[in-house]
Amino acid sequence: MVPFFFQFVGCKVRANQAPNPAVNVPTTVAFTAEEYDTDNMWSATDQTKVHIQRAGYYLVIGAARWPAGNGTRGVAVKKNGGQWPAETRTSVTATQAMLQAVMVARLAQGDFIELETYFLGSGQDLPSLSDQALTVVRIG
């Protein structure tokens, strides 16, 4: 019998200083700190991207906490700067909302993942974000 060996591969990054999103324009999140990074997937010199170092299947979770207020708020996970494979949005909220976009994707070495936030509404309702994070974990 061949012994089973599992090597955890993953990265979780956060944005400590949350930029305010532009009105009706998606904003790519620039991360400022990592909680863990087992495979050199994130670099402070390329703050918006988590780079895939090993091909495989990955669980990707993007999250952002939005305050209460009017307007539609959203969070999306992007692969290689393209369209949104995973997206979550909510409209007018009376309380703060933690939005998460989740996907499982087959990724190749050299692919990259980004987190994008957006606000659809009027300028006077523009909220400020907090607790933005992107988690990328190899699952197979």
N, C-alpha and C. Protein backbone atom coordinates (compact mmCIF):
# COMPACT_ATOMS: atom_id res chain seq x y z
N MET A 1 0.84 -1.17 0.00
CA MET A 1 0.00 0.00 0.00
C MET A 1 0.89 1.24 0.00
N VAL A 2 0.54 2.19 -0.83
CA VAL A 2 1.29 3.45 -0.92
C VAL A 2 0.79 4.39 0.18
N PRO A 3 1.68 4.95 0.98
CA PRO A 3 1.22 5.87 2.04
C PRO A 3 0.65 7.15 1.43
N PHE A 4 -0.35 7.69 2.09
CA PHE A 4 -0.98 8.93 1.64
C PHE A 4 -0.22 10.11 2.23
N PHE A 5 0.11 11.06 1.37
CA PHE A 5 0.78 12.27 1.82
C PHE A 5 0.07 13.47 1.22
N PHE A 6 -0.32 14.38 2.04
CA PHE A 6 -1.01 15.58 1.59
C PHE A 6 -0.19 16.80 1.96
N GLN A 7 0.09 17.62 0.98
CA GLN A 7 0.80 18.86 1.24
C GLN A 7 -0.17 20.00 1.03
N PHE A 8 -0.43 20.75 2.07
CA PHE A 8 -1.35 21.88 1.99
C PHE A 8 -0.73 22.98 1.12
N VAL A 9 -1.50 23.45 0.14
CA VAL A 9 -1.08 24.55 -0.72
C VAL A 9 -2.18 25.59 -0.68
N GLY A 10 -1.84 26.80 -0.23
CA GLY A 10 -2.86 27.82 -0.17
C GLY A 10 -2.32 29.18 0.21
N CYS A 11 -3.21 30.16 0.06
CA CYS A 11 -2.85 31.55 0.34
C CYS A 11 -4.10 32.30 0.78
N LYS A 12 -3.95 33.12 1.79
CA LYS A 12 -5.03 34.03 2.20
C LYS A 12 -4.43 35.40 2.41
N VAL A 13 -4.97 36.38 1.68
CA VAL A 13 -4.49 37.75 1.76
C VAL A 13 -5.63 38.67 2.17
N ARG A 14 -5.26 39.81 2.78
CA ARG A 14 -6.24 40.79 3.26
C ARG A 14 -5.85 42.18 2.83
N ALA A 15 -6.85 43.04 2.76
CA ALA A 15 -6.62 44.47 2.53
C ALA A 15 -6.85 45.18 3.85
N ASN A 16 -5.78 45.62 4.49
CA ASN A 16 -5.90 46.30 5.78
C ASN A 16 -6.50 47.69 5.65
N GLN A 17 -6.19 48.37 4.58
CA GLN A 17 -6.75 49.69 4.32
C GLN A 17 -7.71 49.56 3.15
N ALA A 18 -8.99 49.61 3.45
CA ALA A 18 -10.00 49.39 2.42
C ALA A 18 -10.22 50.65 1.58
N PRO A 19 -9.96 50.57 0.29
CA PRO A 19 -10.24 51.73 -0.57
C PRO A 19 -11.73 51.85 -0.81
N ASN A 20 -12.22 53.05 -0.95
CA ASN A 20 -13.61 53.22 -1.32
C ASN A 20 -13.77 52.89 -2.79
N PRO A 21 -14.75 52.08 -3.13
CA PRO A 21 -14.96 51.77 -4.54
C PRO A 21 -15.51 52.98 -5.28
N ALA A 22 -15.24 53.06 -6.55
CA ALA A 22 -15.83 54.12 -7.37
C ALA A 22 -17.29 53.77 -7.63
N VAL A 23 -18.09 54.78 -7.89
CA VAL A 23 -19.51 54.56 -8.17
C VAL A 23 -19.64 53.99 -9.58
N ASN A 24 -20.34 52.86 -9.70
CA ASN A 24 -20.66 52.21 -10.97
C ASN A 24 -19.42 51.75 -11.75
N VAL A 25 -18.29 51.60 -11.07
CA VAL A 25 -17.05 51.13 -11.71
C VAL A 25 -16.43 50.06 -10.81
N PRO A 26 -16.17 48.86 -11.34
CA PRO A 26 -15.52 47.83 -10.52
C PRO A 26 -14.14 48.27 -10.05
N THR A 27 -13.79 47.88 -8.82
CA THR A 27 -12.50 48.21 -8.23
C THR A 27 -11.77 46.93 -7.86
N THR A 28 -10.58 46.73 -8.40
CA THR A 28 -9.78 45.56 -8.06
C THR A 28 -9.08 45.84 -6.73
N VAL A 29 -9.20 44.91 -5.80
CA VAL A 29 -8.67 45.09 -4.45
C VAL A 29 -7.16 44.87 -4.45
N ALA A 30 -6.44 45.80 -3.86
CA ALA A 30 -4.99 45.67 -3.63
C ALA A 30 -4.79 45.19 -2.19
N PHE A 31 -4.21 44.04 -2.03
CA PHE A 31 -4.02 43.46 -0.71
C PHE A 31 -2.74 43.98 -0.06
N THR A 32 -2.75 44.03 1.26
CA THR A 32 -1.62 44.61 1.99
C THR A 32 -0.93 43.65 2.94
N ALA A 33 -1.56 42.49 3.21
CA ALA A 33 -0.98 41.53 4.15
C ALA A 33 -1.46 40.13 3.84
N GLU A 34 -0.63 39.16 4.19
CA GLU A 34 -1.03 37.78 4.02
C GLU A 34 -1.16 37.10 5.38
N GLU A 35 -2.20 36.26 5.50
CA GLU A 35 -2.34 35.46 6.72
C GLU A 35 -1.48 34.21 6.61
N TYR A 36 -1.48 33.61 5.41
CA TYR A 36 -0.60 32.49 5.13
C TYR A 36 -0.38 32.42 3.62
N ASP A 37 0.73 31.84 3.23
CA ASP A 37 1.07 31.69 1.82
C ASP A 37 2.12 30.60 1.74
N THR A 38 1.68 29.38 1.44
CA THR A 38 2.59 28.23 1.46
C THR A 38 3.35 28.03 0.16
N ASP A 39 3.00 28.78 -0.88
CA ASP A 39 3.56 28.50 -2.21
C ASP A 39 4.00 29.76 -2.96
N ASN A 40 4.32 30.82 -2.22
CA ASN A 40 4.71 32.09 -2.83
C ASN A 40 3.72 32.55 -3.90
N MET A 41 2.45 32.58 -3.53
CA MET A 41 1.38 32.91 -4.47
C MET A 41 1.10 34.41 -4.54
N TRP A 42 1.45 35.14 -3.47
CA TRP A 42 1.17 36.58 -3.42
C TRP A 42 2.47 37.33 -3.15
N SER A 43 2.57 38.52 -3.70
CA SER A 43 3.75 39.36 -3.50
C SER A 43 3.30 40.79 -3.26
N ALA A 44 3.97 41.48 -2.37
CA ALA A 44 3.65 42.88 -2.09
C ALA A 44 3.96 43.78 -3.29
N THR A 45 4.72 43.27 -4.25
CA THR A 45 5.01 44.06 -5.45
C THR A 45 3.94 43.89 -6.53
N ASP A 46 3.04 42.93 -6.35
CA ASP A 46 1.93 42.70 -7.29
C ASP A 46 0.68 42.45 -6.43
N GLN A 47 0.23 43.49 -5.76
CA GLN A 47 -0.73 43.38 -4.65
C GLN A 47 -2.12 42.90 -5.01
N THR A 48 -2.54 42.98 -6.24
CA THR A 48 -3.92 42.63 -6.58
C THR A 48 -4.10 41.16 -6.95
N LYS A 49 -3.00 40.42 -7.14
CA LYS A 49 -3.10 39.08 -7.71
C LYS A 49 -2.55 38.00 -6.79
N VAL A 50 -3.24 36.86 -6.82
CA VAL A 50 -2.73 35.62 -6.24
C VAL A 50 -2.39 34.73 -7.42
N HIS A 51 -1.10 34.38 -7.55
CA HIS A 51 -0.61 33.62 -8.69
C HIS A 51 -0.59 32.12 -8.37
N ILE A 52 -1.05 31.33 -9.31
CA ILE A 52 -1.06 29.88 -9.15
C ILE A 52 0.31 29.34 -9.55
N GLN A 53 0.94 28.60 -8.62
CA GLN A 53 2.27 28.04 -8.86
C GLN A 53 2.22 26.57 -9.29
N ARG A 54 1.10 25.89 -8.96
CA ARG A 54 0.94 24.47 -9.29
C ARG A 54 -0.45 24.26 -9.89
N ALA A 55 -0.50 23.58 -11.02
CA ALA A 55 -1.79 23.27 -11.65
C ALA A 55 -2.62 22.39 -10.73
N GLY A 56 -3.93 22.54 -10.82
CA GLY A 56 -4.83 21.70 -10.04
C GLY A 56 -6.19 22.35 -9.87
N TYR A 57 -6.99 21.75 -9.00
CA TYR A 57 -8.31 22.28 -8.67
C TYR A 57 -8.18 23.11 -7.39
N TYR A 58 -8.79 24.28 -7.39
CA TYR A 58 -8.67 25.21 -6.28
C TYR A 58 -10.05 25.68 -5.80
N LEU A 59 -10.17 25.83 -4.50
CA LEU A 59 -11.30 26.51 -3.89
C LEU A 59 -10.89 27.97 -3.73
N VAL A 60 -11.70 28.88 -4.28
CA VAL A 60 -11.40 30.30 -4.24
C VAL A 60 -12.55 31.01 -3.53
N ILE A 61 -12.22 31.80 -2.51
CA ILE A 61 -13.24 32.55 -1.75
C ILE A 61 -12.81 34.01 -1.67
N GLY A 62 -13.62 34.88 -2.22
CA GLY A 62 -13.40 36.32 -2.11
C GLY A 62 -14.47 36.91 -1.22
N ALA A 63 -14.10 37.84 -0.35
CA ALA A 63 -15.07 38.39 0.60
C ALA A 63 -14.80 39.87 0.86
N ALA A 64 -15.89 40.60 1.13
CA ALA A 64 -15.79 42.01 1.52
C ALA A 64 -16.97 42.35 2.41
N ARG A 65 -16.70 43.12 3.46
CA ARG A 65 -17.77 43.56 4.37
C ARG A 65 -18.20 44.97 3.96
N TRP A 66 -19.49 45.11 3.73
CA TRP A 66 -20.08 46.39 3.33
C TRP A 66 -20.92 46.95 4.47
N PRO A 67 -20.91 48.26 4.69
CA PRO A 67 -21.76 48.86 5.72
C PRO A 67 -23.21 48.95 5.23
N ALA A 68 -24.10 49.27 6.14
CA ALA A 68 -25.51 49.45 5.78
C ALA A 68 -25.65 50.67 4.86
N GLY A 69 -26.69 50.67 4.04
CA GLY A 69 -26.94 51.81 3.17
C GLY A 69 -27.66 51.43 1.91
N ASN A 70 -27.86 52.40 1.05
CA ASN A 70 -28.57 52.20 -0.21
C ASN A 70 -27.60 51.80 -1.31
N GLY A 71 -28.15 51.24 -2.38
CA GLY A 71 -27.35 50.88 -3.54
C GLY A 71 -27.02 49.40 -3.56
N THR A 72 -26.63 48.93 -4.72
CA THR A 72 -26.25 47.54 -4.90
C THR A 72 -24.75 47.40 -4.70
N ARG A 73 -24.36 46.46 -3.86
CA ARG A 73 -22.95 46.21 -3.58
C ARG A 73 -22.63 44.83 -4.10
N GLY A 74 -21.41 44.64 -4.56
CA GLY A 74 -21.04 43.33 -5.08
C GLY A 74 -19.60 43.01 -4.84
N VAL A 75 -19.31 41.71 -4.94
CA VAL A 75 -17.95 41.21 -4.85
C VAL A 75 -17.84 40.10 -5.90
N ALA A 76 -16.72 40.08 -6.61
CA ALA A 76 -16.53 39.09 -7.66
C ALA A 76 -15.09 38.58 -7.63
N VAL A 77 -14.93 37.33 -8.03
CA VAL A 77 -13.63 36.71 -8.17
C VAL A 77 -13.36 36.59 -9.67
N LYS A 78 -12.17 37.04 -10.08
CA LYS A 78 -11.81 37.02 -11.49
C LYS A 78 -10.60 36.12 -11.73
N LYS A 79 -10.62 35.42 -12.86
CA LYS A 79 -9.50 34.58 -13.26
C LYS A 79 -8.80 35.23 -14.44
N ASN A 80 -7.49 35.46 -14.31
CA ASN A 80 -6.67 36.03 -15.38
C ASN A 80 -7.21 37.35 -15.92
N GLY A 81 -7.81 38.16 -15.06
CA GLY A 81 -8.31 39.47 -15.45
C GLY A 81 -9.56 39.44 -16.30
N GLY A 82 -10.15 38.27 -16.48
CA GLY A 82 -11.32 38.12 -17.34
C GLY A 82 -12.63 38.36 -16.64
N GLN A 83 -13.68 37.80 -17.22
CA GLN A 83 -15.02 37.96 -16.67
C GLN A 83 -15.12 37.30 -15.31
N TRP A 84 -16.22 37.51 -14.64
CA TRP A 84 -16.42 37.04 -13.28
C TRP A 84 -16.94 35.60 -13.25
N PRO A 85 -16.09 34.63 -12.95
CA PRO A 85 -16.59 33.27 -12.81
C PRO A 85 -17.46 33.10 -11.57
N ALA A 86 -17.24 33.94 -10.55
CA ALA A 86 -18.03 33.85 -9.32
C ALA A 86 -18.35 35.26 -8.86
N GLU A 87 -19.62 35.48 -8.53
CA GLU A 87 -20.05 36.83 -8.16
C GLU A 87 -21.21 36.74 -7.17
N THR A 88 -21.25 37.68 -6.22
CA THR A 88 -22.36 37.81 -5.29
C THR A 88 -22.68 39.29 -5.17
N ARG A 89 -23.98 39.62 -5.15
CA ARG A 89 -24.37 41.01 -4.97
C ARG A 89 -25.60 41.09 -4.08
N THR A 90 -25.79 42.24 -3.47
CA THR A 90 -26.98 42.49 -2.66
C THR A 90 -27.41 43.94 -2.85
N SER A 91 -28.68 44.20 -2.67
CA SER A 91 -29.20 45.56 -2.80
C SER A 91 -29.31 46.21 -1.43
N VAL A 92 -30.15 47.22 -1.32
CA VAL A 92 -30.31 48.02 -0.10
C VAL A 92 -30.31 47.13 1.14
N THR A 93 -29.47 47.50 2.11
CA THR A 93 -29.40 46.73 3.34
C THR A 93 -29.53 47.65 4.54
N ALA A 94 -30.23 47.17 5.56
CA ALA A 94 -30.39 47.94 6.79
C ALA A 94 -29.23 47.70 7.73
N THR A 95 -28.53 46.59 7.54
CA THR A 95 -27.38 46.27 8.37
C THR A 95 -26.19 45.97 7.46
N GLN A 96 -25.02 45.91 8.05
CA GLN A 96 -23.84 45.59 7.25
C GLN A 96 -23.97 44.19 6.66
N ALA A 97 -23.29 43.96 5.55
CA ALA A 97 -23.38 42.67 4.87
C ALA A 97 -21.97 42.19 4.52
N MET A 98 -21.71 40.92 4.82
CA MET A 98 -20.47 40.28 4.39
C MET A 98 -20.82 39.50 3.13
N LEU A 99 -20.28 39.93 2.00
CA LEU A 99 -20.53 39.24 0.74
C LEU A 99 -19.35 38.35 0.40
N GLN A 100 -19.66 37.16 -0.11
CA GLN A 100 -18.62 36.23 -0.51
C GLN A 100 -18.91 35.71 -1.92
N ALA A 101 -17.88 35.62 -2.74
CA ALA A 101 -17.97 34.97 -4.04
C ALA A 101 -17.09 33.73 -3.95
N VAL A 102 -17.68 32.57 -4.28
CA VAL A 102 -16.98 31.30 -4.10
C VAL A 102 -17.00 30.51 -5.40
N MET A 103 -15.87 29.91 -5.72
CA MET A 103 -15.83 29.03 -6.90
C MET A 103 -14.80 27.93 -6.68
N VAL A 104 -15.01 26.83 -7.39
CA VAL A 104 -14.01 25.79 -7.52
C VAL A 104 -13.61 25.81 -8.98
N ALA A 105 -12.31 25.91 -9.23
CA ALA A 105 -11.84 26.05 -10.60
C ALA A 105 -10.60 25.21 -10.84
N ARG A 106 -10.48 24.73 -12.07
CA ARG A 106 -9.25 24.08 -12.49
C ARG A 106 -8.33 25.19 -12.99
N LEU A 107 -7.19 25.34 -12.34
CA LEU A 107 -6.26 26.42 -12.66
C LEU A 107 -4.92 25.85 -13.10
N ALA A 108 -4.31 26.55 -14.02
CA ALA A 108 -3.01 26.15 -14.54
C ALA A 108 -1.91 26.97 -13.88
N GLN A 109 -0.70 26.44 -13.90
CA GLN A 109 0.44 27.21 -13.41
C GLN A 109 0.52 28.49 -14.23
N GLY A 110 0.67 29.63 -13.56
CA GLY A 110 0.72 30.92 -14.23
C GLY A 110 -0.60 31.68 -14.23
N ASP A 111 -1.72 30.99 -13.96
CA ASP A 111 -3.00 31.70 -13.82
C ASP A 111 -2.94 32.61 -12.61
N PHE A 112 -3.82 33.61 -12.58
CA PHE A 112 -3.91 34.45 -11.38
C PHE A 112 -5.37 34.75 -11.07
N ILE A 113 -5.62 35.02 -9.80
CA ILE A 113 -6.95 35.31 -9.28
C ILE A 113 -6.94 36.69 -8.67
N GLU A 114 -8.03 37.45 -8.90
CA GLU A 114 -8.19 38.78 -8.32
C GLU A 114 -9.57 38.89 -7.68
N LEU A 115 -9.70 39.81 -6.74
CA LEU A 115 -10.97 40.13 -6.10
C LEU A 115 -11.39 41.52 -6.55
N GLU A 116 -12.64 41.63 -6.96
CA GLU A 116 -13.15 42.92 -7.43
C GLU A 116 -14.41 43.27 -6.64
N THR A 117 -14.54 44.52 -6.26
CA THR A 117 -15.74 45.00 -5.59
C THR A 117 -16.39 46.07 -6.46
N TYR A 118 -17.68 46.24 -6.29
CA TYR A 118 -18.36 47.29 -7.04
C TYR A 118 -19.58 47.80 -6.27
N PHE A 119 -19.92 49.04 -6.55
CA PHE A 119 -21.07 49.70 -5.94
C PHE A 119 -21.88 50.36 -7.04
N LEU A 120 -23.15 50.01 -7.12
CA LEU A 120 -24.06 50.61 -8.10
C LEU A 120 -25.05 51.47 -7.33
N GLY A 121 -24.96 52.77 -7.50
CA GLY A 121 -25.83 53.68 -6.78
C GLY A 121 -25.42 55.11 -7.06
N SER A 122 -25.78 56.00 -6.15
CA SER A 122 -25.42 57.40 -6.32
C SER A 122 -24.23 57.73 -5.42
N GLY A 123 -23.53 58.80 -5.77
CA GLY A 123 -22.33 59.19 -5.05
C GLY A 123 -22.54 59.45 -3.58
N GLN A 124 -23.70 60.02 -3.20
CA GLN A 124 -23.90 60.34 -1.78
C GLN A 124 -24.06 59.08 -0.93
N ASP A 125 -24.37 57.93 -1.57
CA ASP A 125 -24.53 56.69 -0.83
C ASP A 125 -23.26 55.84 -0.83
N LEU A 126 -22.17 56.35 -1.38
CA LEU A 126 -20.95 55.56 -1.53
C LEU A 126 -20.45 55.08 -0.17
N PRO A 127 -20.39 53.76 0.03
CA PRO A 127 -19.92 53.23 1.31
C PRO A 127 -18.41 53.02 1.31
N SER A 128 -17.87 52.82 2.49
CA SER A 128 -16.47 52.42 2.59
C SER A 128 -16.44 50.94 2.98
N LEU A 129 -15.46 50.25 2.47
CA LEU A 129 -15.34 48.81 2.69
C LEU A 129 -14.44 48.49 3.88
N SER A 130 -14.63 47.31 4.41
CA SER A 130 -13.71 46.78 5.40
C SER A 130 -13.64 45.27 5.24
N ASP A 131 -12.65 44.67 5.85
CA ASP A 131 -12.50 43.21 5.87
C ASP A 131 -12.56 42.58 4.48
N GLN A 132 -11.68 42.99 3.59
CA GLN A 132 -11.60 42.37 2.28
C GLN A 132 -10.54 41.26 2.34
N ALA A 133 -10.88 40.10 1.80
CA ALA A 133 -9.96 38.96 1.85
C ALA A 133 -10.14 38.09 0.61
N LEU A 134 -9.06 37.43 0.25
CA LEU A 134 -9.08 36.47 -0.84
C LEU A 134 -8.33 35.22 -0.38
N THR A 135 -9.02 34.07 -0.46
CA THR A 135 -8.45 32.78 -0.07
C THR A 135 -8.41 31.87 -1.28
N VAL A 136 -7.26 31.28 -1.53
CA VAL A 136 -7.09 30.36 -2.65
C VAL A 136 -6.40 29.11 -2.11
N VAL A 137 -7.10 27.95 -2.16
CA VAL A 137 -6.58 26.71 -1.57
C VAL A 137 -6.68 25.58 -2.60
N ARG A 138 -5.58 24.89 -2.81
CA ARG A 138 -5.58 23.75 -3.74
C ARG A 138 -6.28 22.57 -3.08
N ILE A 139 -7.24 22.00 -3.80
CA ILE A 139 -8.01 20.88 -3.25
C ILE A 139 -7.83 19.59 -4.04
N GLY A 140 -7.08 19.66 -5.11
CA GLY A 140 -6.87 18.43 -5.89
C GLY A 140 -6.05 18.65 -7.12
